[in-house]
Amino acid sequence: MDAHGDDGRNARRKFLTRSATLVAAGVALPALPVLARKLSGEAAVASAGMATANPLRRANVHGSDRFLAIQNMRLAVKTMLALPPEDPRNWYRQAMIHVLDCPHGNAWFFPWHRGYLYWFERIVRKLSFNPAFVLPYWDWTSAPDMPPSFFGEFQGDQLDIESPGYIHDFPTFDRTFRRPMEAFWGSLTQNRRRQLELRGMANFEAFWAVVQDYFNRGTRRQLSFFNRQLTGDALEAVSRTTLVNALAPTDFNEFGGSLIAYHSGMDGEPGMVEAQPHNLVHRAIGGYMGNFIAASDPMFWLHHANVDRLWDVWMERQGLVAQNGPPAWRNEPFLFFCDEDGRAIDGTAGDYVSSSGLGYSFEATAPIATAPSRPPNAAWAARFPCQLQSTNLAINGSVTASVEPGKAASDAFAENCQTAILIDLDRPQDEQAWRFKVEIKVDNSSFSSKHGGYTAFFGSMGAEGSSMRHRGQLKIGIANGMSQCLAESGNGPHRFTVTVRAERVGNGSPTEVLKVYGVTLISV
């Protein structure tokens, strides 16, 4: 079996079949292996020697190498927390990169975070004198409990964010990091300033207000040593059923997010991996992990290493070595990473498309089933806009919409072919207080609505109460609920009612009313 659950013969057969299909369609396949281009920051992302030698293996933090993986991670955190705040490799300075530049809700989510993890690993290798360091990953599907080491299993363990070195109040953070960050801001090139303006950060004070707002929302985890298990919506989001749905699309923009004007835009369409397991695990852990200062928590790096692994799983299933998308996707600038010597890196999305080209692979873990094949002679993927009966959504309220996708789609859903609901709506000002639930029902039937799934927004670039207002989209896989509906109602065609509910999370009582702009049923 390979690292993602396919036996070697099956994986090779899928690669050859997919490759032949792409070549026949006139698509240029990437070479094997794909090597990232040399960056202008005087450091190549990878060398031919690294790519062709045995890659370093990212270990499952619950797997056979868990003790070594945790020890390496502990050393990484300790080393970077000890660096002065003026050093861009400092633990919190690295976390600020995520605040400054991370993409969410669009097609650059996967390559940007792959690059972020890649440079983090290189920094740790140099600082720790450990050339074999790689991040472990947390396979929350197979083991949905955080390792006890991250909750002070040993006294003073800096995998625990309550240990010395972490900062939990903004006045202390301000005293420590304002001047170094102001100096960093003053050194920015025109191109980097332009990227920050696109993100709504026209000057340092605007950026610093966002950082303060993140601290004000809380930095301490919701999970604890005696409560380490994902539960409820997060447990459902990381389930194999959810991942079968999320990995089903064969088109990258359906899987990984839509191509929009630039990577800091948050009004694009996310993939299901981002909108469900990614977002809801962030929300379940809480504290730093609840917003864009998430990389201050060591669990961020393990969480995203697993998200990165799922991109590899998807590419392997398509028979691809790396993504070979349009120039508008490949050439998008990523300008805020730094290398192991603290030097700024000018790169693009196309530099971060191949894990083998970057010199790493993943320890094998429990396989994820492949979705059922879609019926032939139909337009897949297919989108069916729903007719909204209402547009205003408040906490504890709902909006409903109806749709008739036709017989071919109904029959496909009955066979458990994968499907999703896309919701286009206002992003809440306090997104941590909201959770969204989808239900599906066959109209004019005596059967009850079936549960579709949960999702939530993660992160906002404007401080709460600011004039910045974002419109966003969420995607929820509903294949299981849809097939349950049709098991009861029989063959189609059918008309369906989709209900989107807003539920309160935590102790907040948000009073704002969100506008829902559209609901779409997608057969992926």
Protein backbone atom coordinates (compact mmCIF):
# COMPACT_ATOMS: atom_id res chain seq x y z
CA MET A 1 0.00 0.00 0.00
CA ASP A 2 1.19 3.52 -0.69
CA ALA A 3 1.01 6.40 1.77
CA HIS A 4 -2.59 7.19 0.90
CA GLY A 5 -4.19 3.78 0.92
CA ASP A 6 -3.91 2.67 -2.74
CA ASP A 7 -1.92 -0.42 -3.63
CA GLY A 8 0.96 0.34 -5.99
CA ARG A 9 -0.57 -1.30 -9.06
CA ASN A 10 -3.85 0.56 -8.66
CA ALA A 11 -2.11 3.88 -8.09
CA ARG A 12 0.09 3.39 -11.19
CA ARG A 13 -2.91 2.33 -13.29
CA LYS A 14 -4.81 5.48 -12.27
CA PHE A 15 -1.75 7.63 -13.03
CA LEU A 16 -1.36 6.18 -16.52
CA THR A 17 -5.08 6.41 -17.28
CA ARG A 18 -5.29 10.00 -16.07
CA SER A 19 -2.11 10.96 -17.89
CA ALA A 20 -3.37 9.51 -21.18
CA THR A 21 -6.63 11.41 -20.78
CA LEU A 22 -4.86 14.70 -20.13
CA VAL A 23 -2.42 14.26 -22.99
CA ALA A 24 -5.28 13.44 -25.37
CA ALA A 25 -6.98 16.64 -24.25
CA GLY A 26 -3.85 18.65 -25.00
CA VAL A 27 -2.91 19.34 -21.37
CA ALA A 28 0.81 19.57 -20.63
CA LEU A 29 1.64 17.22 -17.80
CA PRO A 30 4.33 18.26 -15.34
CA ALA A 31 7.61 16.37 -15.47
CA LEU A 32 8.35 13.76 -12.85
CA PRO A 33 9.47 14.95 -10.41
CA VAL A 34 8.27 18.55 -10.56
CA LEU A 35 10.86 20.90 -9.13
CA ALA A 36 9.93 24.31 -7.86
CA ARG A 37 11.55 27.24 -9.59
CA LYS A 38 14.49 29.04 -8.03
CA LEU A 39 13.28 31.95 -5.97
CA SER A 40 14.69 35.45 -6.10
CA GLY A 41 15.54 35.40 -2.38
CA GLU A 42 18.86 33.66 -3.14
CA ALA A 43 17.47 30.26 -2.16
CA ALA A 44 16.07 27.52 -4.32
CA VAL A 45 12.94 25.85 -3.01
CA ALA A 46 14.42 22.48 -3.91
CA SER A 47 17.41 21.04 -5.65
CA ALA A 48 17.43 18.10 -8.05
CA GLY A 49 19.39 16.15 -5.47
CA MET A 50 16.72 16.65 -2.82
CA ALA A 51 13.89 15.71 -5.16
CA THR A 52 15.49 12.54 -6.51
CA ALA A 53 16.92 11.26 -3.23
CA ASN A 54 14.71 9.56 -0.67
CA PRO A 55 12.37 12.30 0.56
CA LEU A 56 12.09 13.12 4.23
CA ARG A 57 8.96 11.57 5.69
CA ARG A 58 6.41 13.53 7.68
CA ALA A 59 5.35 11.20 10.49
CA ASN A 60 1.85 10.66 11.84
CA VAL A 61 1.91 12.14 15.34
CA HIS A 62 -0.12 9.12 16.49
CA GLY A 63 1.94 6.68 14.42
CA SER A 64 4.95 4.46 14.96
CA ASP A 65 7.43 7.39 15.03
CA ARG A 66 5.30 9.55 17.32
CA PHE A 67 7.89 9.94 20.08
CA LEU A 68 10.56 11.21 17.72
CA ALA A 69 8.05 13.41 15.89
CA ILE A 70 6.90 15.06 19.12
CA GLN A 71 10.46 15.51 20.36
CA ASN A 72 11.44 17.22 17.11
CA MET A 73 8.41 19.50 17.30
CA ARG A 74 9.20 20.34 20.92
CA LEU A 75 12.72 21.37 19.91
CA ALA A 76 11.39 23.53 17.07
CA VAL A 77 9.04 25.47 19.35
CA LYS A 78 11.61 25.93 22.11
CA THR A 79 14.25 27.17 19.67
CA MET A 80 12.02 29.69 17.91
CA LEU A 81 10.43 31.07 21.09
CA ALA A 82 13.93 31.82 22.36
CA LEU A 83 14.82 34.03 19.38
CA PRO A 84 14.66 37.83 19.86
CA PRO A 85 11.56 39.58 18.46
CA GLU A 86 13.74 41.35 15.89
CA ASP A 87 14.52 38.02 14.25
CA PRO A 88 11.97 37.15 11.53
CA ARG A 89 12.43 33.47 12.45
CA ASN A 90 11.09 34.11 15.96
CA TRP A 91 8.00 32.00 16.82
CA TYR A 92 5.55 34.91 16.86
CA ARG A 93 7.17 36.61 13.89
CA GLN A 94 6.48 33.45 11.91
CA ALA A 95 2.87 33.52 13.15
CA MET A 96 2.54 37.10 11.88
CA ILE A 97 3.19 35.86 8.33
CA HIS A 98 -0.17 34.11 8.49
CA VAL A 99 -1.85 37.35 9.57
CA LEU A 100 -0.15 39.32 6.79
CA ASP A 101 -0.71 37.08 3.81
CA CYS A 102 -2.63 33.81 4.24
CA PRO A 103 -5.32 33.03 1.62
CA HIS A 104 -8.61 31.48 2.62
CA GLY A 105 -11.70 30.80 0.55
CA ASN A 106 -9.96 30.65 -2.82
CA ALA A 107 -7.71 28.57 -5.08
CA TRP A 108 -4.44 29.55 -3.34
CA PHE A 109 -5.32 28.02 0.03
CA PHE A 110 -3.36 24.80 -0.61
CA PRO A 111 -0.15 26.10 -2.27
CA TRP A 112 0.27 29.05 0.12
CA HIS A 113 0.05 26.88 3.22
CA ARG A 114 2.36 24.29 1.62
CA GLY A 115 4.95 27.03 1.14
CA TYR A 116 4.43 28.26 4.70
CA LEU A 117 5.13 24.80 6.13
CA TYR A 118 8.07 24.28 3.79
CA TRP A 119 9.97 27.39 4.92
CA PHE A 120 9.11 26.71 8.56
CA GLU A 121 10.74 23.29 8.24
CA ARG A 122 13.86 24.78 6.67
CA ILE A 123 14.16 27.34 9.47
CA VAL A 124 13.88 24.63 12.11
CA ARG A 125 16.47 22.44 10.37
CA LYS A 126 19.04 25.22 10.59
CA LEU A 127 18.24 26.46 14.09
CA SER A 128 18.08 22.97 15.60
CA PHE A 129 21.08 21.56 13.68
CA ASN A 130 18.75 18.75 12.61
CA PRO A 131 18.84 18.41 8.79
CA ALA A 132 16.24 15.64 8.97
CA PHE A 133 13.52 17.70 10.69
CA VAL A 134 10.06 17.50 9.16
CA LEU A 135 6.73 18.40 10.66
CA PRO A 136 4.57 15.61 12.01
CA TYR A 137 0.94 15.61 10.92
CA TRP A 138 -2.20 15.06 12.97
CA ASP A 139 -4.50 12.64 11.17
CA TRP A 140 -7.62 13.79 13.00
CA THR A 141 -9.75 11.31 11.02
CA SER A 142 -7.99 8.23 12.41
CA ALA A 143 -7.24 9.71 15.84
CA PRO A 144 -9.40 12.75 16.68
CA ASP A 145 -7.66 13.47 19.98
CA MET A 146 -4.80 15.91 20.47
CA PRO A 147 -1.65 14.26 21.88
CA PRO A 148 -1.26 14.79 25.65
CA SER A 149 2.19 16.33 25.10
CA PHE A 150 0.45 19.46 23.84
CA PHE A 151 -1.18 19.97 27.25
CA GLY A 152 1.80 19.95 29.57
CA GLU A 153 2.36 16.22 29.93
CA PHE A 154 5.80 17.31 31.14
CA GLN A 155 6.24 20.43 33.25
CA GLY A 156 7.25 23.44 31.19
CA ASP A 157 6.72 21.60 27.91
CA GLN A 158 6.49 24.35 25.31
CA LEU A 159 4.13 22.34 23.16
CA ASP A 160 1.63 23.53 25.79
CA ILE A 161 0.65 27.14 25.11
CA GLU A 162 0.26 27.72 28.87
CA SER A 163 4.00 27.21 29.37
CA PRO A 164 6.53 30.10 29.77
CA GLY A 165 7.34 31.95 26.57
CA TYR A 166 3.79 32.34 25.27
CA ILE A 167 1.97 35.66 25.45
CA HIS A 168 -1.73 35.85 26.26
CA ASP A 169 -2.35 39.57 26.69
CA PHE A 170 -2.04 42.26 24.08
CA PRO A 171 -0.22 44.88 26.23
CA THR A 172 2.69 42.47 26.68
CA PHE A 173 2.64 41.53 23.02
CA ASP A 174 2.54 45.22 22.08
CA ARG A 175 5.55 46.05 24.25
CA THR A 176 7.51 43.13 22.82
CA PHE A 177 6.66 43.18 19.14
CA ARG A 178 5.39 46.62 18.11
CA ARG A 179 8.80 48.16 17.41
CA PRO A 180 10.21 45.11 15.55
CA MET A 181 7.05 44.93 13.45
CA GLU A 182 7.11 48.68 12.76
CA ALA A 183 10.70 48.29 11.56
CA PHE A 184 9.64 45.37 9.40
CA TRP A 185 6.81 47.43 7.94
CA GLY A 186 9.18 50.27 7.13
CA SER A 187 11.41 47.88 5.19
CA LEU A 188 8.67 46.56 2.92
CA THR A 189 9.05 46.84 -0.83
CA GLN A 190 6.41 48.50 -2.95
CA ASN A 191 5.15 45.12 -4.13
CA ARG A 192 4.70 43.89 -0.58
CA ARG A 193 2.90 47.07 0.43
CA ARG A 194 0.58 46.63 -2.51
CA GLN A 195 -0.28 43.11 -1.32
CA LEU A 196 -1.12 44.45 2.13
CA GLU A 197 -3.30 47.20 0.67
CA LEU A 198 -5.26 44.55 -1.20
CA ARG A 199 -5.74 42.87 2.18
CA GLY A 200 -7.15 46.04 3.72
CA MET A 201 -3.98 46.95 5.62
CA ALA A 202 -2.97 50.29 4.15
CA ASN A 203 -0.65 51.17 7.04
CA PHE A 204 0.94 49.66 10.12
CA GLU A 205 -1.74 50.88 12.51
CA ALA A 206 -4.46 49.13 10.52
CA PHE A 207 -2.48 45.89 10.70
CA TRP A 208 -1.75 46.28 14.40
CA ALA A 209 -5.43 46.91 15.19
CA VAL A 210 -6.26 43.56 13.62
CA VAL A 211 -3.60 41.82 15.73
CA GLN A 212 -4.99 43.45 18.86
CA ASP A 213 -8.48 42.32 17.97
CA TYR A 214 -7.29 38.72 17.61
CA PHE A 215 -5.74 38.85 21.09
CA ASN A 216 -8.90 40.39 22.53
CA ARG A 217 -10.92 37.42 21.24
CA GLY A 218 -8.88 35.07 23.43
CA THR A 219 -5.72 33.01 23.02
CA ARG A 220 -6.32 29.98 25.26
CA ARG A 221 -7.50 26.67 23.87
CA GLN A 222 -10.99 25.33 24.41
CA LEU A 223 -9.62 21.79 24.53
CA SER A 224 -7.69 20.65 27.60
CA PHE A 225 -5.66 17.69 28.90
CA PHE A 226 -8.80 15.92 30.10
CA ASN A 227 -10.84 17.07 27.10
CA ARG A 228 -8.54 16.45 24.12
CA GLN A 229 -11.07 14.81 21.81
CA LEU A 230 -12.78 16.49 18.90
CA THR A 231 -16.54 16.21 19.34
CA GLY A 232 -19.76 17.32 17.71
CA ASP A 233 -19.47 19.29 14.47
CA ALA A 234 -15.67 18.99 14.36
CA LEU A 235 -15.77 15.21 14.76
CA GLU A 236 -18.31 14.98 11.95
CA ALA A 237 -16.19 17.30 9.78
CA VAL A 238 -13.11 15.07 10.04
CA SER A 239 -15.02 11.83 9.45
CA ARG A 240 -14.24 9.54 6.54
CA THR A 241 -17.71 10.22 5.15
CA THR A 242 -16.91 13.94 4.94
CA LEU A 243 -13.50 13.32 3.38
CA VAL A 244 -14.87 10.96 0.73
CA ASN A 245 -17.14 13.84 -0.32
CA ALA A 246 -14.38 16.46 -0.09
CA LEU A 247 -11.90 14.43 -2.17
CA ALA A 248 -14.42 13.48 -4.86
CA PRO A 249 -14.07 16.44 -7.31
CA THR A 250 -11.78 15.87 -10.28
CA ASP A 251 -11.47 19.59 -11.06
CA PHE A 252 -8.98 21.50 -8.90
CA ASN A 253 -11.12 24.61 -8.51
CA GLU A 254 -13.98 22.44 -7.30
CA PHE A 255 -11.64 20.67 -4.88
CA GLY A 256 -9.31 23.47 -3.83
CA GLY A 257 -11.21 26.72 -4.32
CA SER A 258 -12.14 29.23 -6.98
CA LEU A 259 -9.77 31.44 -8.93
CA ILE A 260 -10.45 35.07 -8.00
CA ALA A 261 -8.62 38.36 -8.56
CA TYR A 262 -5.89 37.87 -5.91
CA HIS A 263 -5.10 35.52 -3.06
CA SER A 264 -6.03 37.85 -0.20
CA GLY A 265 -9.62 38.12 -1.42
CA MET A 266 -11.99 36.30 0.92
CA ASP A 267 -15.09 36.31 -1.27
CA GLY A 268 -14.17 33.23 -3.31
CA GLU A 269 -15.47 29.70 -3.12
CA PRO A 270 -13.60 27.31 -0.82
CA GLY A 271 -13.15 23.61 -1.28
CA MET A 272 -14.83 21.24 1.16
CA VAL A 273 -11.52 20.30 2.82
CA GLU A 274 -11.08 23.92 3.80
CA ALA A 275 -14.69 24.73 4.68
CA GLN A 276 -15.30 21.67 6.85
CA PRO A 277 -12.38 19.80 8.51
CA HIS A 278 -9.96 22.72 8.23
CA ASN A 279 -12.28 25.41 9.57
CA LEU A 280 -14.04 23.34 12.23
CA VAL A 281 -10.83 21.90 13.72
CA HIS A 282 -9.48 25.44 14.04
CA ARG A 283 -12.71 26.43 15.76
CA ALA A 284 -12.79 23.36 18.04
CA ILE A 285 -9.29 24.00 19.41
CA GLY A 286 -9.97 27.71 19.82
CA GLY A 287 -7.74 30.32 21.35
CA TYR A 288 -4.91 31.26 19.00
CA MET A 289 -6.24 28.62 16.61
CA GLY A 290 -9.58 30.40 16.36
CA ASN A 291 -8.29 33.17 14.11
CA PHE A 292 -5.41 34.25 11.88
CA ILE A 293 -2.86 34.26 14.73
CA ALA A 294 -3.39 30.47 14.67
CA ALA A 295 0.26 29.71 13.91
CA SER A 296 1.11 30.85 17.47
CA ASP A 297 -0.21 27.46 18.60
CA PRO A 298 2.06 24.47 17.79
CA MET A 299 -1.03 22.48 16.80
CA PHE A 300 -1.46 24.76 13.78
CA TRP A 301 1.55 23.18 12.11
CA LEU A 302 0.37 19.61 12.68
CA HIS A 303 -3.17 20.49 11.59
CA HIS A 304 -1.96 22.06 8.36
CA ALA A 305 0.51 19.27 7.71
CA ASN A 306 -2.52 16.96 7.55
CA VAL A 307 -4.40 19.37 5.28
CA ASP A 308 -1.30 19.37 3.08
CA ARG A 309 -1.35 15.55 3.07
CA LEU A 310 -4.94 15.58 1.81
CA TRP A 311 -3.88 17.70 -1.17
CA ASP A 312 -1.34 14.98 -1.95
CA VAL A 313 -4.07 12.34 -1.63
CA TRP A 314 -6.23 14.26 -4.11
CA MET A 315 -3.41 14.77 -6.63
CA GLU A 316 -2.45 11.12 -6.42
CA ARG A 317 -6.03 10.10 -7.20
CA GLN A 318 -6.04 12.31 -10.28
CA GLY A 319 -2.81 10.73 -11.46
CA LEU A 320 -0.96 14.02 -11.07
CA VAL A 321 2.50 14.71 -9.71
CA ALA A 322 1.66 18.34 -9.15
CA GLN A 323 -0.94 20.87 -10.06
CA ASN A 324 -0.43 22.49 -13.47
CA GLY A 325 -3.04 25.21 -13.44
CA PRO A 326 -3.40 28.39 -15.49
CA PRO A 327 -0.80 31.18 -15.32
CA ALA A 328 -3.14 33.33 -13.23
CA TRP A 329 -2.94 30.65 -10.55
CA ARG A 330 0.72 29.61 -10.91
CA ASN A 331 2.10 33.16 -11.03
CA GLU A 332 0.24 34.62 -8.03
CA PRO A 333 2.92 36.27 -5.82
CA PHE A 334 3.64 34.94 -2.32
CA LEU A 335 5.99 37.56 -0.86
CA PHE A 336 6.04 37.20 2.94
CA PHE A 337 7.88 33.95 3.64
CA CYS A 338 11.46 34.06 4.89
CA ASP A 339 14.21 31.51 4.54
CA GLU A 340 16.35 29.80 7.17
CA ASP A 341 18.63 32.84 7.36
CA GLY A 342 15.74 35.26 7.85
CA ARG A 343 15.88 36.64 4.29
CA ALA A 344 12.66 37.60 2.53
CA ILE A 345 11.52 35.27 -0.25
CA ASP A 346 9.88 36.40 -3.48
CA GLY A 347 7.94 33.40 -4.73
CA THR A 348 4.76 32.40 -6.51
CA ALA A 349 2.09 29.75 -6.07
CA GLY A 350 3.79 27.65 -8.73
CA ASP A 351 6.80 27.19 -6.46
CA TYR A 352 4.80 25.09 -4.02
CA VAL A 353 2.98 22.44 -6.01
CA SER A 354 4.90 19.18 -5.49
CA SER A 355 5.68 17.61 -2.13
CA SER A 356 8.25 15.32 -3.76
CA GLY A 357 9.84 18.32 -5.46
CA LEU A 358 10.05 19.99 -2.06
CA GLY A 359 11.72 16.89 -0.63
CA TYR A 360 9.17 15.27 1.64
CA SER A 361 6.51 12.55 1.74
CA PHE A 362 4.06 11.24 4.32
CA GLU A 363 3.97 8.20 6.58
CA ALA A 364 1.20 5.81 5.57
CA THR A 365 -2.08 6.14 7.42
CA ALA A 366 -5.54 4.58 7.26
CA PRO A 367 -6.98 4.83 3.73
CA ILE A 368 -9.93 7.00 2.72
CA ALA A 369 -12.41 5.33 0.40
CA THR A 370 -12.88 6.60 -3.14
CA ALA A 371 -16.28 8.07 -3.99
CA PRO A 372 -18.60 6.08 -6.30
CA SER A 373 -18.11 6.72 -10.01
CA ARG A 374 -20.47 9.25 -11.51
CA PRO A 375 -22.99 8.11 -14.13
CA PRO A 376 -21.90 8.58 -17.76
CA ASN A 377 -23.64 10.81 -20.30
CA ALA A 378 -24.27 13.68 -17.90
CA ALA A 379 -22.73 17.09 -17.35
CA TRP A 380 -20.51 16.66 -14.29
CA ALA A 381 -19.68 18.62 -12.25
CA ALA A 382 -23.14 20.18 -12.41
CA ARG A 383 -24.52 23.19 -10.55
CA PHE A 384 -28.16 23.80 -9.76
CA PRO A 385 -29.03 27.27 -8.38
CA CYS A 386 -31.70 27.10 -5.69
CA GLN A 387 -34.65 29.44 -5.44
CA LEU A 388 -34.47 31.31 -2.14
CA GLN A 389 -37.66 31.70 -0.12
CA SER A 390 -35.94 34.15 2.25
CA THR A 391 -32.62 35.97 2.45
CA ASN A 392 -32.18 37.18 6.05
CA LEU A 393 -30.33 34.88 8.44
CA ALA A 394 -30.00 35.55 12.16
CA ILE A 395 -28.74 33.38 15.01
CA ASN A 396 -31.23 30.56 15.68
CA GLY A 397 -32.91 31.39 12.39
CA SER A 398 -32.90 29.77 8.96
CA VAL A 399 -33.36 30.38 5.27
CA THR A 400 -34.86 27.88 2.88
CA ALA A 401 -34.41 27.31 -0.83
CA SER A 402 -35.77 24.83 -3.36
CA VAL A 403 -34.24 23.16 -6.38
CA GLU A 404 -35.09 20.59 -9.06
CA PRO A 405 -31.83 19.08 -10.36
CA GLY A 406 -33.48 16.62 -12.75
CA LYS A 407 -33.58 12.85 -13.01
CA ALA A 408 -29.90 12.22 -13.86
CA ALA A 409 -28.70 14.11 -10.80
CA SER A 410 -31.36 12.60 -8.52
CA ASP A 411 -30.40 9.10 -9.64
CA ALA A 412 -26.72 9.88 -9.05
CA PHE A 413 -27.44 11.17 -5.55
CA ALA A 414 -29.40 8.02 -4.81
CA GLU A 415 -26.25 6.02 -5.60
CA ASN A 416 -24.33 8.11 -3.05
CA CYS A 417 -22.48 10.11 -5.71
CA GLN A 418 -20.97 13.08 -4.00
CA THR A 419 -22.73 16.40 -3.72
CA ALA A 420 -22.44 19.69 -1.87
CA ILE A 421 -24.29 22.85 -0.95
CA LEU A 422 -22.62 26.20 -1.61
CA ILE A 423 -23.86 29.14 0.46
CA ASP A 424 -23.06 32.73 -0.58
CA LEU A 425 -23.63 35.13 2.33
CA ASP A 426 -22.27 37.95 4.45
CA ARG A 427 -19.42 36.98 6.75
CA PRO A 428 -20.35 37.67 10.40
CA GLN A 429 -18.44 40.38 12.19
CA ASP A 430 -17.78 37.92 15.03
CA GLU A 431 -17.42 34.76 12.97
CA GLN A 432 -16.47 32.68 16.03
CA ALA A 433 -20.00 33.02 17.39
CA TRP A 434 -21.64 31.47 14.32
CA ARG A 435 -22.01 27.96 12.96
CA PHE A 436 -24.03 26.91 9.93
CA LYS A 437 -25.99 23.70 9.48
CA VAL A 438 -27.58 22.38 6.28
CA GLU A 439 -30.60 20.07 6.03
CA ILE A 440 -32.09 18.48 2.91
CA LYS A 441 -35.62 17.20 2.28
CA VAL A 442 -37.55 15.78 -0.66
CA ASP A 443 -40.57 18.04 -1.26
CA ASN A 444 -44.08 16.62 -0.97
CA SER A 445 -42.87 13.59 0.94
CA SER A 446 -43.86 12.45 4.40
CA PHE A 447 -40.24 11.94 5.41
CA SER A 448 -38.32 14.32 7.64
CA SER A 449 -35.39 16.50 6.67
CA LYS A 450 -31.99 14.81 6.70
CA HIS A 451 -28.85 16.24 8.20
CA GLY A 452 -26.42 17.52 5.59
CA GLY A 453 -23.48 18.84 7.57
CA TYR A 454 -21.87 21.72 9.46
CA THR A 455 -19.49 24.45 8.44
CA ALA A 456 -18.22 27.76 9.77
CA PHE A 457 -16.06 30.66 8.70
CA PHE A 458 -12.47 30.81 9.88
CA GLY A 459 -10.67 34.11 10.24
CA SER A 460 -11.46 37.66 9.23
CA MET A 461 -9.05 40.33 8.06
CA GLY A 462 -10.93 43.24 9.60
CA ALA A 463 -11.10 43.91 13.33
CA GLU A 464 -14.52 43.29 14.82
CA GLY A 465 -16.65 46.43 14.50
CA SER A 466 -14.45 47.90 11.75
CA SER A 467 -15.82 49.28 8.52
CA MET A 468 -14.48 46.29 6.59
CA ARG A 469 -17.29 44.01 5.51
CA HIS A 470 -16.65 40.73 3.76
CA ARG A 471 -18.95 38.60 1.72
CA GLY A 472 -18.00 34.94 1.77
CA GLN A 473 -18.95 31.46 0.69
CA LEU A 474 -19.15 28.12 2.46
CA LYS A 475 -19.33 24.63 0.98
CA ILE A 476 -20.81 21.63 2.79
CA GLY A 477 -20.72 18.04 1.57
CA ILE A 478 -24.20 16.52 1.88
CA ALA A 479 -23.87 13.18 0.03
CA ASN A 480 -24.86 11.07 3.01
CA GLY A 481 -27.98 13.11 3.83
CA MET A 482 -29.00 13.24 0.18
CA SER A 483 -28.71 9.47 -0.27
CA GLN A 484 -30.79 8.94 2.89
CA CYS A 485 -33.52 11.17 1.45
CA LEU A 486 -33.61 9.23 -1.79
CA ALA A 487 -33.47 5.83 -0.11
CA GLU A 488 -36.82 6.75 1.43
CA SER A 489 -38.36 8.60 -1.52
CA GLY A 490 -37.29 6.39 -4.41
CA ASN A 491 -36.10 7.33 -7.89
CA GLY A 492 -36.34 10.89 -9.17
CA PRO A 493 -36.75 13.37 -10.51
CA HIS A 494 -37.41 15.20 -7.25
CA ARG A 495 -37.71 18.72 -5.97
CA PHE A 496 -35.65 19.35 -2.84
CA THR A 497 -35.86 21.87 -0.04
CA VAL A 498 -32.53 23.02 1.38
CA THR A 499 -32.54 24.63 4.82
CA VAL A 500 -29.57 26.64 6.09
CA ARG A 501 -29.62 27.21 9.85
CA ALA A 502 -27.46 29.60 11.88
CA GLU A 503 -26.53 28.35 15.35
CA ARG A 504 -24.86 30.23 18.17
CA VAL A 505 -21.45 29.05 19.36
CA GLY A 506 -20.20 29.92 22.84
CA ASN A 507 -21.61 32.57 25.12
CA GLY A 508 -21.88 35.42 22.65
CA SER A 509 -25.24 36.76 21.48
CA PRO A 510 -24.69 38.34 18.06
CA THR A 511 -27.61 40.45 16.92
CA GLU A 512 -26.59 41.13 13.33
CA VAL A 513 -28.60 39.73 10.46
CA LEU A 514 -26.67 38.22 7.56
CA LYS A 515 -27.86 38.46 3.99
CA VAL A 516 -27.85 35.21 2.01
CA TYR A 517 -27.19 35.92 -1.68
CA GLY A 518 -27.52 32.43 -3.03
CA VAL A 519 -27.65 28.69 -2.35
CA THR A 520 -26.42 26.23 -4.97
CA LEU A 521 -26.65 22.46 -5.15
CA ILE A 522 -23.50 20.99 -6.70
CA SER A 523 -23.02 17.48 -7.99
CA VAL A 524 -19.25 17.10 -7.78
